[in-house]
Amino acid sequence: MARGDLTDQEWALIGLLLPPEHGRWARPAGENRRFLNGMLYVLRVGCPWRDMHERYGKWNSVYVRFRRWVEQGGDALLQTLVDLGLTDNWQHMVDSIVSPCPFTGYGRKRGAHSEAFGRSRGGFTSKIHARCDTQGRPLGFVLTGGQVSDYKATDALMKLSVPTPKAMLADRSYDSDSFRLDLLLRGILPVIPSRKGRSTPQNTDWRRYKDRNRIERMFNKLKQMRRIATRYDKTVLSFISFLNLAAARLWIKPLVNATQRSRN
């Protein structure tokens, strides 16, 4: 087993959750572990598919399996792990980070906006909007251009198929009357500091707000995977599928630990 590959305990948990293989040219499902480890290698190292290590087999076979899973539903694995993980609904958090895009030529092609490319102070970038639970475990993502304001992605984040929390933690960039009202109508307490210069500052539970660093730590873990730290994928579907795969990787270890504790 190479560094970064799934352990036997992790594979026992995740192996049955992968999409089944059908069709005349489908390879045996028993090879899913090798293929998935190849995808995790590309995710962690950030290399082109052609430079994937040979121990995972032919790069094209792994790429084709990746694309097939993406087309069958790239977020299905993460959603299943979230459902199995008994998400902590005491409080959720939303935040965003910017992922630079080295291929500036995308900006001169049609459809750049639909593929979540945009220009910001950091150059040609994409913005990753995320929602996580109180343990800092990712629940879902939304992609936009890097120049898009944070609160414009809140509608999509709130529509994620997850239970309703008691409170929502966010920084000042999410301080808008419409977002606060939407949270209150859902029965969620907004824990959001007021923007500087706000005419009517809102009260903030600062003791609770201290927990918001957990989503920052989640982003730090995600950005250790080089395919996330820098966006190399042209299509939004491929990039968000890598995001979901990275998020699933963060879910697997705590679920394995919880399973082992329940058996002891």
C-alpha atoms as a PDB file:
ATOM      1  CA  MET A   1       0.000   0.000   0.000  1.00  0.00           C
ATOM      2  CA  ALA A   2       1.478   3.345  -1.072  1.00  0.00           C
ATOM      3  CA  ARG A   3       1.260   6.629   0.813  1.00  0.00           C
ATOM      4  CA  GLY A   4      -2.221   8.132   0.527  1.00  0.00           C
ATOM      5  CA  ASP A   5      -3.900   4.874  -0.543  1.00  0.00           C
ATOM      6  CA  LEU A   6      -6.976   3.553   1.226  1.00  0.00           C
ATOM      7  CA  THR A   7      -6.368   1.179   4.119  1.00  0.00           C
ATOM      8  CA  ASP A   8      -8.238  -2.141   4.382  1.00  0.00           C
ATOM      9  CA  GLN A   9     -10.574  -0.655   7.001  1.00  0.00           C
ATOM     10  CA  GLU A  10     -11.294   2.398   4.835  1.00  0.00           C
ATOM     11  CA  TRP A  11     -11.916   0.294   1.748  1.00  0.00           C
ATOM     12  CA  ALA A  12     -14.282  -2.001   3.679  1.00  0.00           C
ATOM     13  CA  LEU A  13     -16.367   1.091   4.459  1.00  0.00           C
ATOM     14  CA  ILE A  14     -16.288   2.837   1.097  1.00  0.00           C
ATOM     15  CA  GLY A  15     -16.044  -0.045  -1.371  1.00  0.00           C
ATOM     16  CA  LEU A  16     -19.749  -0.889  -1.332  1.00  0.00           C
ATOM     17  CA  LEU A  17     -20.723   2.775  -1.812  1.00  0.00           C
ATOM     18  CA  LEU A  18     -19.116   3.185  -5.241  1.00  0.00           C
ATOM     19  CA  PRO A  19     -21.289   3.162  -8.369  1.00  0.00           C
ATOM     20  CA  PRO A  20     -21.732  -0.297  -9.951  1.00  0.00           C
ATOM     21  CA  GLU A  21     -20.176  -1.113 -13.309  1.00  0.00           C
ATOM     22  CA  HIS A  22     -22.490  -2.103 -16.159  1.00  0.00           C
ATOM     23  CA  GLY A  23     -22.146  -2.580 -19.883  1.00  0.00           C
ATOM     24  CA  ARG A  24     -20.188  -4.672 -22.307  1.00  0.00           C
ATOM     25  CA  TRP A  25     -16.899  -2.840 -21.812  1.00  0.00           C
ATOM     26  CA  ALA A  26     -17.155  -2.398 -18.034  1.00  0.00           C
ATOM     27  CA  ARG A  27     -14.162  -3.677 -16.094  1.00  0.00           C
ATOM     28  CA  PRO A  28     -14.656  -5.905 -13.022  1.00  0.00           C
ATOM     29  CA  ALA A  29     -15.841  -3.987  -9.970  1.00  0.00           C
ATOM     30  CA  GLY A  30     -13.046  -5.677  -8.005  1.00  0.00           C
ATOM     31  CA  GLU A  31     -10.617  -3.221  -9.607  1.00  0.00           C
ATOM     32  CA  ASN A  32     -12.438  -0.246  -8.090  1.00  0.00           C
ATOM     33  CA  ARG A  33      -9.970  -0.024  -5.195  1.00  0.00           C
ATOM     34  CA  ARG A  34      -6.971   0.357  -7.522  1.00  0.00           C
ATOM     35  CA  PHE A  35      -8.824   2.865  -9.679  1.00  0.00           C
ATOM     36  CA  LEU A  36      -9.968   4.892  -6.678  1.00  0.00           C
ATOM     37  CA  ASN A  37      -6.433   4.959  -5.274  1.00  0.00           C
ATOM     38  CA  GLY A  38      -5.273   6.256  -8.652  1.00  0.00           C
ATOM     39  CA  MET A  39      -7.827   9.053  -8.492  1.00  0.00           C
ATOM     40  CA  LEU A  40      -6.715   9.906  -4.956  1.00  0.00           C
ATOM     41  CA  TYR A  41      -3.114  10.032  -6.181  1.00  0.00           C
ATOM     42  CA  VAL A  42      -3.992  12.547  -8.908  1.00  0.00           C
ATOM     43  CA  LEU A  43      -6.051  14.510  -6.367  1.00  0.00           C
ATOM     44  CA  ARG A  44      -3.242  14.654  -3.807  1.00  0.00           C
ATOM     45  CA  VAL A  45      -0.291  15.242  -6.165  1.00  0.00           C
ATOM     46  CA  GLY A  46      -2.108  17.451  -8.668  1.00  0.00           C
ATOM     47  CA  CYS A  47      -0.405  15.845 -11.657  1.00  0.00           C
ATOM     48  CA  PRO A  48      -1.934  15.408 -15.137  1.00  0.00           C
ATOM     49  CA  TRP A  49      -3.695  12.089 -15.666  1.00  0.00           C
ATOM     50  CA  ARG A  50      -0.910  10.961 -17.999  1.00  0.00           C
ATOM     51  CA  ASP A  51       1.633  11.344 -15.185  1.00  0.00           C
ATOM     52  CA  MET A  52      -0.265   9.143 -12.741  1.00  0.00           C
ATOM     53  CA  HIS A  53       1.953   6.490 -11.129  1.00  0.00           C
ATOM     54  CA  GLU A  54       2.071   3.229 -13.066  1.00  0.00           C
ATOM     55  CA  ARG A  55       1.216   1.136 -10.009  1.00  0.00           C
ATOM     56  CA  TYR A  56      -2.429   2.128 -10.534  1.00  0.00           C
ATOM     57  CA  GLY A  57      -2.504   0.762 -14.077  1.00  0.00           C
ATOM     58  CA  LYS A  58      -3.115   2.602 -17.322  1.00  0.00           C
ATOM     59  CA  TRP A  59      -3.892   6.250 -16.756  1.00  0.00           C
ATOM     60  CA  ASN A  60      -6.626   6.257 -19.392  1.00  0.00           C
ATOM     61  CA  SER A  61      -8.490   3.412 -17.664  1.00  0.00           C
ATOM     62  CA  VAL A  62      -8.512   5.330 -14.373  1.00  0.00           C
ATOM     63  CA  TYR A  63      -9.569   8.525 -16.142  1.00  0.00           C
ATOM     64  CA  VAL A  64     -12.427   6.764 -17.949  1.00  0.00           C
ATOM     65  CA  ARG A  65     -13.644   5.288 -14.650  1.00  0.00           C
ATOM     66  CA  PHE A  66     -13.470   8.751 -13.067  1.00  0.00           C
ATOM     67  CA  ARG A  67     -15.504  10.306 -15.877  1.00  0.00           C
ATOM     68  CA  ARG A  68     -18.053   7.495 -15.681  1.00  0.00           C
ATOM     69  CA  TRP A  69     -18.545   8.064 -11.952  1.00  0.00           C
ATOM     70  CA  VAL A  70     -18.797  11.817 -12.537  1.00  0.00           C
ATOM     71  CA  GLU A  71     -21.534  11.345 -15.122  1.00  0.00           C
ATOM     72  CA  GLN A  72     -23.404   8.965 -12.781  1.00  0.00           C
ATOM     73  CA  GLY A  73     -23.372  11.574 -10.020  1.00  0.00           C
ATOM     74  CA  GLY A  74     -20.120  13.005  -8.719  1.00  0.00           C
ATOM     75  CA  ASP A  75     -21.596  14.025  -5.364  1.00  0.00           C
ATOM     76  CA  ALA A  76     -23.344  10.724  -4.621  1.00  0.00           C
ATOM     77  CA  LEU A  77     -20.430   9.315  -2.602  1.00  0.00           C
ATOM     78  CA  LEU A  78     -20.113  12.414  -0.430  1.00  0.00           C
ATOM     79  CA  GLN A  79     -23.883  12.593   0.110  1.00  0.00           C
ATOM     80  CA  THR A  80     -23.958   8.946   1.191  1.00  0.00           C
ATOM     81  CA  LEU A  81     -21.100   9.457   3.645  1.00  0.00           C
ATOM     82  CA  VAL A  82     -22.836  12.549   5.036  1.00  0.00           C
ATOM     83  CA  ASP A  83     -26.033  10.533   5.531  1.00  0.00           C
ATOM     84  CA  LEU A  84     -24.122   7.701   7.200  1.00  0.00           C
ATOM     85  CA  GLY A  85     -22.085  10.024   9.375  1.00  0.00           C
ATOM     86  CA  LEU A  86     -24.983  11.277  11.487  1.00  0.00           C
ATOM     87  CA  THR A  87     -24.067  14.911  10.860  1.00  0.00           C
ATOM     88  CA  ASP A  88     -23.757  17.124  13.929  1.00  0.00           C
ATOM     89  CA  ASN A  89     -26.569  19.643  13.479  1.00  0.00           C
ATOM     90  CA  TRP A  90     -25.836  21.834  16.481  1.00  0.00           C
ATOM     91  CA  GLN A  91     -24.349  24.437  14.158  1.00  0.00           C
ATOM     92  CA  HIS A  92     -23.164  24.680  10.565  1.00  0.00           C
ATOM     93  CA  MET A  93     -20.666  27.062   8.967  1.00  0.00           C
ATOM     94  CA  VAL A  94     -20.234  28.615   5.526  1.00  0.00           C
ATOM     95  CA  ASP A  95     -17.160  30.188   4.026  1.00  0.00           C
ATOM     96  CA  SER A  96     -15.208  30.377   0.773  1.00  0.00           C
ATOM     97  CA  ILE A  97     -11.685  30.238  -0.615  1.00  0.00           C
ATOM     98  CA  VAL A  98     -10.221  31.178  -3.978  1.00  0.00           C
ATOM     99  CA  SER A  99      -8.534  28.597  -6.185  1.00  0.00           C
ATOM    100  CA  PRO A 100      -6.182  30.118  -8.800  1.00  0.00           C
ATOM    101  CA  CYS A 101      -6.419  28.924 -12.405  1.00  0.00           C
ATOM    102  CA  PRO A 102      -3.101  28.834 -14.271  1.00  0.00           C
ATOM    103  CA  PHE A 103      -4.720  28.626 -17.723  1.00  0.00           C
ATOM    104  CA  THR A 104      -5.542  32.254 -18.469  1.00  0.00           C
ATOM    105  CA  GLY A 105      -6.625  31.320 -21.998  1.00  0.00           C
ATOM    106  CA  TYR A 106      -9.950  30.095 -20.605  1.00  0.00           C
ATOM    107  CA  GLY A 107     -10.968  33.692 -20.031  1.00  0.00           C
ATOM    108  CA  ARG A 108     -10.988  34.430 -23.750  1.00  0.00           C
ATOM    109  CA  LYS A 109     -13.243  31.517 -24.611  1.00  0.00           C
ATOM    110  CA  ARG A 110     -17.007  31.402 -24.576  1.00  0.00           C
ATOM    111  CA  GLY A 111     -18.601  29.751 -21.587  1.00  0.00           C
ATOM    112  CA  ALA A 112     -15.987  30.816 -19.033  1.00  0.00           C
ATOM    113  CA  HIS A 113     -18.730  32.123 -16.729  1.00  0.00           C
ATOM    114  CA  SER A 114     -20.736  28.879 -16.936  1.00  0.00           C
ATOM    115  CA  GLU A 115     -17.587  26.937 -15.974  1.00  0.00           C
ATOM    116  CA  ALA A 116     -17.088  29.084 -12.826  1.00  0.00           C
ATOM    117  CA  PHE A 117     -14.081  31.057 -14.070  1.00  0.00           C
ATOM    118  CA  GLY A 118     -13.676  34.711 -13.269  1.00  0.00           C
ATOM    119  CA  ARG A 119     -11.201  37.491 -12.636  1.00  0.00           C
ATOM    120  CA  SER A 120     -10.432  38.904  -9.204  1.00  0.00           C
ATOM    121  CA  ARG A 121      -7.518  40.595  -7.482  1.00  0.00           C
ATOM    122  CA  GLY A 122      -5.697  37.276  -7.515  1.00  0.00           C
ATOM    123  CA  GLY A 123      -5.953  37.024 -11.286  1.00  0.00           C
ATOM    124  CA  PHE A 124      -7.918  34.339 -13.109  1.00  0.00           C
ATOM    125  CA  THR A 125      -9.630  32.351 -10.336  1.00  0.00           C
ATOM    126  CA  SER A 126     -12.539  30.230  -9.170  1.00  0.00           C
ATOM    127  CA  LYS A 127     -14.179  30.558  -5.766  1.00  0.00           C
ATOM    128  CA  ILE A 128     -15.100  27.491  -3.710  1.00  0.00           C
ATOM    129  CA  HIS A 129     -18.083  28.100  -1.418  1.00  0.00           C
ATOM    130  CA  ALA A 130     -18.500  25.409   1.230  1.00  0.00           C
ATOM    131  CA  ARG A 131     -20.777  24.406   4.071  1.00  0.00           C
ATOM    132  CA  CYS A 132     -19.617  22.176   6.926  1.00  0.00           C
ATOM    133  CA  ASP A 133     -20.944  20.869  10.225  1.00  0.00           C
ATOM    134  CA  THR A 134     -19.723  21.797  13.684  1.00  0.00           C
ATOM    135  CA  GLN A 135     -16.999  19.134  13.497  1.00  0.00           C
ATOM    136  CA  GLY A 136     -15.532  20.771  10.402  1.00  0.00           C
ATOM    137  CA  ARG A 137     -16.684  18.005   8.047  1.00  0.00           C
ATOM    138  CA  PRO A 138     -17.691  19.227   4.556  1.00  0.00           C
ATOM    139  CA  LEU A 139     -21.340  18.913   3.546  1.00  0.00           C
ATOM    140  CA  GLY A 140     -21.267  20.345   0.027  1.00  0.00           C
ATOM    141  CA  PHE A 141     -19.832  22.924  -2.327  1.00  0.00           C
ATOM    142  CA  VAL A 142     -20.820  25.615  -4.810  1.00  0.00           C
ATOM    143  CA  LEU A 143     -18.448  26.975  -7.473  1.00  0.00           C
ATOM    144  CA  THR A 144     -18.463  30.517  -8.854  1.00  0.00           C
ATOM    145  CA  GLY A 145     -16.028  32.902 -10.468  1.00  0.00           C
ATOM    146  CA  GLY A 146     -13.421  34.340  -8.125  1.00  0.00           C
ATOM    147  CA  GLN A 147     -14.959  37.825  -8.211  1.00  0.00           C
ATOM    148  CA  VAL A 148     -18.418  36.717  -7.014  1.00  0.00           C
ATOM    149  CA  SER A 149     -19.488  37.929  -3.572  1.00  0.00           C
ATOM    150  CA  ASP A 150     -19.759  35.298  -0.844  1.00  0.00           C
ATOM    151  CA  TYR A 151     -23.409  35.840   0.038  1.00  0.00           C
ATOM    152  CA  LYS A 152     -24.521  35.263  -3.569  1.00  0.00           C
ATOM    153  CA  ALA A 153     -23.845  31.546  -3.118  1.00  0.00           C
ATOM    154  CA  THR A 154     -25.816  31.227   0.103  1.00  0.00           C
ATOM    155  CA  ASP A 155     -29.074  30.212  -1.610  1.00  0.00           C
ATOM    156  CA  ALA A 156     -27.410  27.191  -3.218  1.00  0.00           C
ATOM    157  CA  LEU A 157     -25.594  26.274   0.003  1.00  0.00           C
ATOM    158  CA  MET A 158     -28.828  26.390   1.973  1.00  0.00           C
ATOM    159  CA  LYS A 159     -30.512  24.071  -0.544  1.00  0.00           C
ATOM    160  CA  LEU A 160     -28.065  21.250   0.174  1.00  0.00           C
ATOM    161  CA  SER A 161     -29.753  18.033   1.233  1.00  0.00           C
ATOM    162  CA  VAL A 162     -28.681  18.129   4.896  1.00  0.00           C
ATOM    163  CA  PRO A 163     -30.630  18.524   8.157  1.00  0.00           C
ATOM    164  CA  THR A 164     -31.361  22.016   9.440  1.00  0.00           C
ATOM    165  CA  PRO A 165     -28.903  23.195  12.132  1.00  0.00           C
ATOM    166  CA  LYS A 166     -29.643  25.280  15.202  1.00  0.00           C
ATOM    167  CA  ALA A 167     -27.218  28.046  14.175  1.00  0.00           C
ATOM    168  CA  MET A 168     -25.200  29.187  11.157  1.00  0.00           C
ATOM    169  CA  LEU A 169     -21.719  30.667  11.616  1.00  0.00           C
ATOM    170  CA  ALA A 170     -20.190  32.953   8.992  1.00  0.00           C
ATOM    171  CA  ASP A 171     -17.817  35.917   8.759  1.00  0.00           C
ATOM    172  CA  ARG A 172     -18.629  39.534   7.924  1.00  0.00           C
ATOM    173  CA  SER A 173     -18.747  38.954   4.188  1.00  0.00           C
ATOM    174  CA  TYR A 174     -22.072  37.117   4.719  1.00  0.00           C
ATOM    175  CA  ASP A 175     -23.663  39.983   6.629  1.00  0.00           C
ATOM    176  CA  SER A 176     -26.712  40.784   4.525  1.00  0.00           C
ATOM    177  CA  ASP A 177     -30.286  41.397   5.627  1.00  0.00           C
ATOM    178  CA  SER A 178     -31.637  38.887   3.108  1.00  0.00           C
ATOM    179  CA  PHE A 179     -29.383  36.058   4.337  1.00  0.00           C
ATOM    180  CA  ARG A 180     -30.159  36.797   7.984  1.00  0.00           C
ATOM    181  CA  LEU A 181     -33.890  36.816   7.247  1.00  0.00           C
ATOM    182  CA  ASP A 182     -33.662  33.559   5.301  1.00  0.00           C
ATOM    183  CA  LEU A 183     -31.885  31.889   8.243  1.00  0.00           C
ATOM    184  CA  LEU A 184     -34.450  33.144  10.750  1.00  0.00           C
ATOM    185  CA  LEU A 185     -37.345  31.932   8.588  1.00  0.00           C
ATOM    186  CA  ARG A 186     -35.737  28.484   8.592  1.00  0.00           C
ATOM    187  CA  GLY A 187     -35.441  28.562  12.389  1.00  0.00           C
ATOM    188  CA  ILE A 188     -31.647  29.023  12.278  1.00  0.00           C
ATOM    189  CA  LEU A 189     -29.818  31.498  14.509  1.00  0.00           C
ATOM    190  CA  PRO A 190     -27.424  33.672  12.438  1.00  0.00           C
ATOM    191  CA  VAL A 191     -24.038  34.041  14.160  1.00  0.00           C
ATOM    192  CA  ILE A 192     -22.550  36.639  11.823  1.00  0.00           C
ATOM    193  CA  PRO A 193     -20.607  39.775  12.835  1.00  0.00           C
ATOM    194  CA  SER A 194     -21.883  43.035  11.382  1.00  0.00           C
ATOM    195  CA  ARG A 195     -19.972  44.740   8.610  1.00  0.00           C
ATOM    196  CA  LYS A 196     -18.076  47.857   9.544  1.00  0.00           C
ATOM    197  CA  GLY A 197     -20.189  50.940   8.991  1.00  0.00           C
ATOM    198  CA  ARG A 198     -23.508  49.071   9.239  1.00  0.00           C
ATOM    199  CA  SER A 199     -26.236  51.524  10.238  1.00  0.00           C
ATOM    200  CA  THR A 200     -27.881  48.999  12.565  1.00  0.00           C
ATOM    201  CA  PRO A 201     -25.242  46.611  14.001  1.00  0.00           C
ATOM    202  CA  GLN A 202     -26.508  43.152  14.889  1.00  0.00           C
ATOM    203  CA  ASN A 203     -25.770  41.284  18.114  1.00  0.00           C
ATOM    204  CA  THR A 204     -23.269  38.426  17.776  1.00  0.00           C
ATOM    205  CA  ASP A 205     -22.713  35.445  20.048  1.00  0.00           C
ATOM    206  CA  TRP A 206     -18.922  35.790  20.122  1.00  0.00           C
ATOM    207  CA  ARG A 207     -18.458  32.730  22.313  1.00  0.00           C
ATOM    208  CA  ARG A 208     -20.160  30.610  19.684  1.00  0.00           C
ATOM    209  CA  TYR A 209     -18.429  32.437  16.844  1.00  0.00           C
ATOM    210  CA  LYS A 210     -15.048  31.142  18.036  1.00  0.00           C
ATOM    211  CA  ASP A 211     -15.953  27.734  16.590  1.00  0.00           C
ATOM    212  CA  ARG A 212     -15.860  29.173  13.067  1.00  0.00           C
ATOM    213  CA  ASN A 213     -12.147  28.361  12.845  1.00  0.00           C
ATOM    214  CA  ARG A 214     -13.167  24.759  12.150  1.00  0.00           C
ATOM    215  CA  ILE A 215     -14.217  25.558   8.601  1.00  0.00           C
ATOM    216  CA  GLU A 216     -10.879  27.341   8.127  1.00  0.00           C
ATOM    217  CA  ARG A 217      -9.114  24.163   9.230  1.00  0.00           C
ATOM    218  CA  MET A 218     -11.282  22.156   6.841  1.00  0.00           C
ATOM    219  CA  PHE A 219     -10.190  24.370   3.954  1.00  0.00           C
ATOM    220  CA  ASN A 220      -6.574  23.946   5.029  1.00  0.00           C
ATOM    221  CA  LYS A 221      -6.937  20.167   4.770  1.00  0.00           C
ATOM    222  CA  LEU A 222      -8.592  20.441   1.368  1.00  0.00           C
ATOM    223  CA  LYS A 223      -5.875  22.717   0.010  1.00  0.00           C
ATOM    224  CA  GLN A 224      -3.206  20.208   0.993  1.00  0.00           C
ATOM    225  CA  MET A 225      -4.570  18.287  -1.999  1.00  0.00           C
ATOM    226  CA  ARG A 226      -2.890  20.070  -4.882  1.00  0.00           C
ATOM    227  CA  ARG A 227      -5.702  19.399  -7.340  1.00  0.00           C
ATOM    228  CA  ILE A 228      -7.871  21.596  -5.084  1.00  0.00           C
ATOM    229  CA  ALA A 229      -5.280  24.239  -4.159  1.00  0.00           C
ATOM    230  CA  THR A 230      -4.944  25.040  -7.870  1.00  0.00           C
ATOM    231  CA  ARG A 231      -7.710  24.432 -10.377  1.00  0.00           C
ATOM    232  CA  TYR A 232      -6.386  22.424 -13.324  1.00  0.00           C
ATOM    233  CA  ASP A 233      -9.764  21.202 -14.592  1.00  0.00           C
ATOM    234  CA  LYS A 234     -11.455  23.117 -17.367  1.00  0.00           C
ATOM    235  CA  THR A 235     -15.009  21.969 -16.656  1.00  0.00           C
ATOM    236  CA  VAL A 236     -16.843  22.784 -13.468  1.00  0.00           C
ATOM    237  CA  LEU A 237     -18.161  19.201 -13.317  1.00  0.00           C
ATOM    238  CA  SER A 238     -14.675  17.687 -13.134  1.00  0.00           C
ATOM    239  CA  PHE A 239     -13.413  20.187 -10.584  1.00  0.00           C
ATOM    240  CA  ILE A 240     -16.371  19.891  -8.239  1.00  0.00           C
ATOM    241  CA  SER A 241     -16.144  16.093  -8.549  1.00  0.00           C
ATOM    242  CA  PHE A 242     -12.553  16.302  -7.309  1.00  0.00           C
ATOM    243  CA  LEU A 243     -13.819  18.530  -4.495  1.00  0.00           C
ATOM    244  CA  ASN A 244     -16.425  15.940  -3.539  1.00  0.00           C
ATOM    245  CA  LEU A 245     -13.777  13.206  -3.660  1.00  0.00           C
ATOM    246  CA  ALA A 246     -11.493  15.263  -1.405  1.00  0.00           C
ATOM    247  CA  ALA A 247     -14.395  15.880   0.984  1.00  0.00           C
ATOM    248  CA  ALA A 248     -15.229  12.169   1.030  1.00  0.00           C
ATOM    249  CA  ARG A 249     -11.596  11.460   1.922  1.00  0.00           C
ATOM    250  CA  LEU A 250     -11.978  13.714   4.971  1.00  0.00           C
ATOM    251  CA  TRP A 251     -15.139  11.865   6.023  1.00  0.00           C
ATOM    252  CA  ILE A 252     -13.727   8.335   5.754  1.00  0.00           C
ATOM    253  CA  LYS A 253     -11.248   8.399   8.636  1.00  0.00           C
ATOM    254  CA  PRO A 254     -13.684   9.620  11.353  1.00  0.00           C
ATOM    255  CA  LEU A 255     -16.297   7.140  10.132  1.00  0.00           C
ATOM    256  CA  VAL A 256     -13.785   4.286  10.355  1.00  0.00           C
ATOM    257  CA  ASN A 257     -12.824   5.387  13.877  1.00  0.00           C
ATOM    258  CA  ALA A 258     -16.490   5.560  14.876  1.00  0.00           C
ATOM    259  CA  THR A 259     -17.102   2.064  13.467  1.00  0.00           C
ATOM    260  CA  GLN A 260     -14.161   0.632  15.384  1.00  0.00           C
ATOM    261  CA  ARG A 261     -15.310   2.267  18.635  1.00  0.00           C
ATOM    262  CA  SER A 262     -18.787   0.801  18.214  1.00  0.00           C
ATOM    263  CA  ARG A 263     -17.306  -2.680  17.809  1.00  0.00           C
ATOM    264  CA  ASN A 264     -15.153  -2.436  20.928  1.00  0.00           C
END
